[in-house]
Protein backbone atom coordinates (compact mmCIF):
# COMPACT_ATOMS: atom_id res chain seq x y z
CA MET A 1 0.14 0.12 0.09
CA ASN A 2 1.17 3.42 -1.00
CA ILE A 3 2.24 5.05 2.21
CA THR A 4 0.73 8.80 1.10
CA LEU A 5 -2.52 6.66 1.07
CA LEU A 6 -1.91 5.20 4.54
CA ILE A 7 -1.63 8.29 5.90
CA ILE A 8 -4.52 10.05 4.37
CA LEU A 9 -6.37 7.08 5.61
CA CYS A 10 -5.02 7.19 9.26
CA ALA A 11 -5.71 10.80 9.23
CA LEU A 12 -9.40 10.52 8.14
CA VAL A 13 -9.93 7.42 10.97
CA THR A 14 -8.89 9.76 13.55
CA PHE A 15 -10.61 13.07 12.46
CA ILE A 16 -13.84 11.88 11.43
CA PRO A 17 -15.08 10.91 15.10
CA ARG A 18 -13.79 13.90 16.19
CA VAL A 19 -15.44 16.40 13.83
CA ILE A 20 -18.97 14.57 13.90
CA PRO A 21 -20.05 15.09 17.43
CA ALA A 22 -18.27 18.48 17.17
CA ILE A 23 -20.98 19.26 14.51
CA PHE A 24 -23.88 17.95 16.11
CA MET A 25 -22.87 19.73 19.95
CA GLU A 26 -24.69 22.81 18.70
CA ARG A 27 -28.04 21.73 17.94
CA LEU A 28 -28.24 19.20 21.54
CA ASN A 29 -29.88 20.48 24.24
CA PHE A 30 -28.15 18.48 26.92
CA SER A 31 -29.83 18.77 31.04
CA PRO A 32 -27.75 20.55 33.62
CA LYS A 33 -26.88 17.47 35.52
CA PHE A 34 -25.19 15.71 32.43
CA GLU A 35 -23.89 19.33 31.15
CA LYS A 36 -22.05 18.84 34.79
CA PHE A 37 -20.66 15.32 33.89
CA LEU A 38 -19.67 16.13 30.77
CA ASN A 39 -17.59 19.35 32.08
CA LEU A 40 -15.75 16.49 34.64
CA ILE A 41 -14.25 14.55 31.68
CA PRO A 42 -11.52 16.14 30.98
CA TYR A 43 -10.39 16.04 35.19
CA THR A 44 -11.10 12.79 35.63
CA ALA A 45 -8.77 11.83 32.61
CA LEU A 46 -6.44 14.06 33.80
CA ALA A 47 -6.37 12.60 37.00
CA ALA A 48 -6.48 9.06 35.27
CA LEU A 49 -3.08 9.81 33.47
CA ILE A 50 -1.41 11.64 36.41
CA CYS A 51 -2.07 9.14 39.78
CA PRO A 52 -0.08 5.97 37.94
CA GLY A 53 2.73 8.68 37.68
CA VAL A 54 2.93 10.08 41.31
CA LEU A 55 3.09 6.60 43.14
CA THR A 56 5.75 5.46 40.80
CA VAL A 57 8.07 8.54 41.07
CA ASP A 58 10.61 6.49 43.35
CA PRO A 59 9.99 3.44 43.84
CA GLU A 60 11.47 3.14 46.82
CA LEU A 61 10.43 6.57 48.68
CA TRP A 62 7.13 6.16 47.55
CA TYR A 63 5.63 8.98 49.66
CA ILE A 64 8.10 11.55 47.80
CA GLY A 65 5.14 11.77 44.40
CA LEU A 66 2.67 11.69 47.13
CA ILE A 67 3.96 14.88 48.63
CA GLY A 68 4.78 16.92 45.96
CA ALA A 69 0.78 15.78 44.82
CA ILE A 70 -0.37 17.38 48.00
CA ILE A 71 1.78 20.47 47.47
CA ALA A 72 0.98 21.09 44.26
CA GLY A 73 -2.78 20.48 44.50
CA GLY A 74 -2.84 23.00 47.70
CA LEU A 75 -1.15 25.62 45.80
CA ALA A 76 -3.33 25.17 42.85
CA TRP A 77 -6.37 25.76 45.34
CA LYS A 78 -5.38 28.86 46.15
CA LYS A 79 -4.95 29.52 42.76
CA VAL A 80 -1.03 30.52 42.87
CA PRO A 81 0.04 30.69 38.98
CA LEU A 82 1.25 27.40 37.42
CA GLY A 83 4.73 28.68 36.84
CA ALA A 84 5.17 28.95 40.89
CA ILE A 85 3.31 25.91 41.51
CA VAL A 86 6.16 24.29 39.37
CA ILE A 87 8.83 25.77 41.32
CA LEU A 88 7.81 25.36 44.63
CA THR A 89 6.70 22.17 44.37
CA VAL A 90 10.30 21.15 43.23
CA ILE A 91 11.62 23.27 46.06
CA VAL A 92 10.15 21.03 48.52
CA LEU A 93 10.82 18.29 47.11
CA ILE A 94 14.52 18.75 46.78
CA ALA A 95 14.24 19.80 50.90
CA VAL A 96 12.48 16.39 51.14
CA TYR A 97 15.08 14.53 49.32
CA LEU A 98 17.54 16.38 51.34
CA LEU A 99 15.91 15.36 54.44
CA VAL A 100 14.95 11.98 54.13
CA PRO A 101 18.31 10.66 55.15
CA PHE A 102 17.94 12.11 58.33
CA PHE A 103 14.55 10.04 58.99
CA PRO A 104 15.51 6.35 57.95
CA VAL A 105 12.08 5.30 59.10
CA LEU A 106 10.28 6.95 56.28
CA ILE A 107 12.40 4.55 54.13
């Protein structure tokens, strides 16, 4: 099969399922509960992508990722800008990594 034809067919296969709902979404009316459900889907998908990574950051120190997630979540809750969240979370986690040798119980 020609590679150009294969690329075009693959593009159509991914494009069509995305365009058809977008065309008809404006014509549909959903209940407020269902709209709220649809608005929460991106957050749940993001959580499903992030949570496994949080718990597997460092296999020996499993709680490091959890601490980072709690710090980042708390800062986001306080509406701190994204760049500051990243920088502050990294600083806190560096401090935690530096303190771990002093608390062997955590290991």
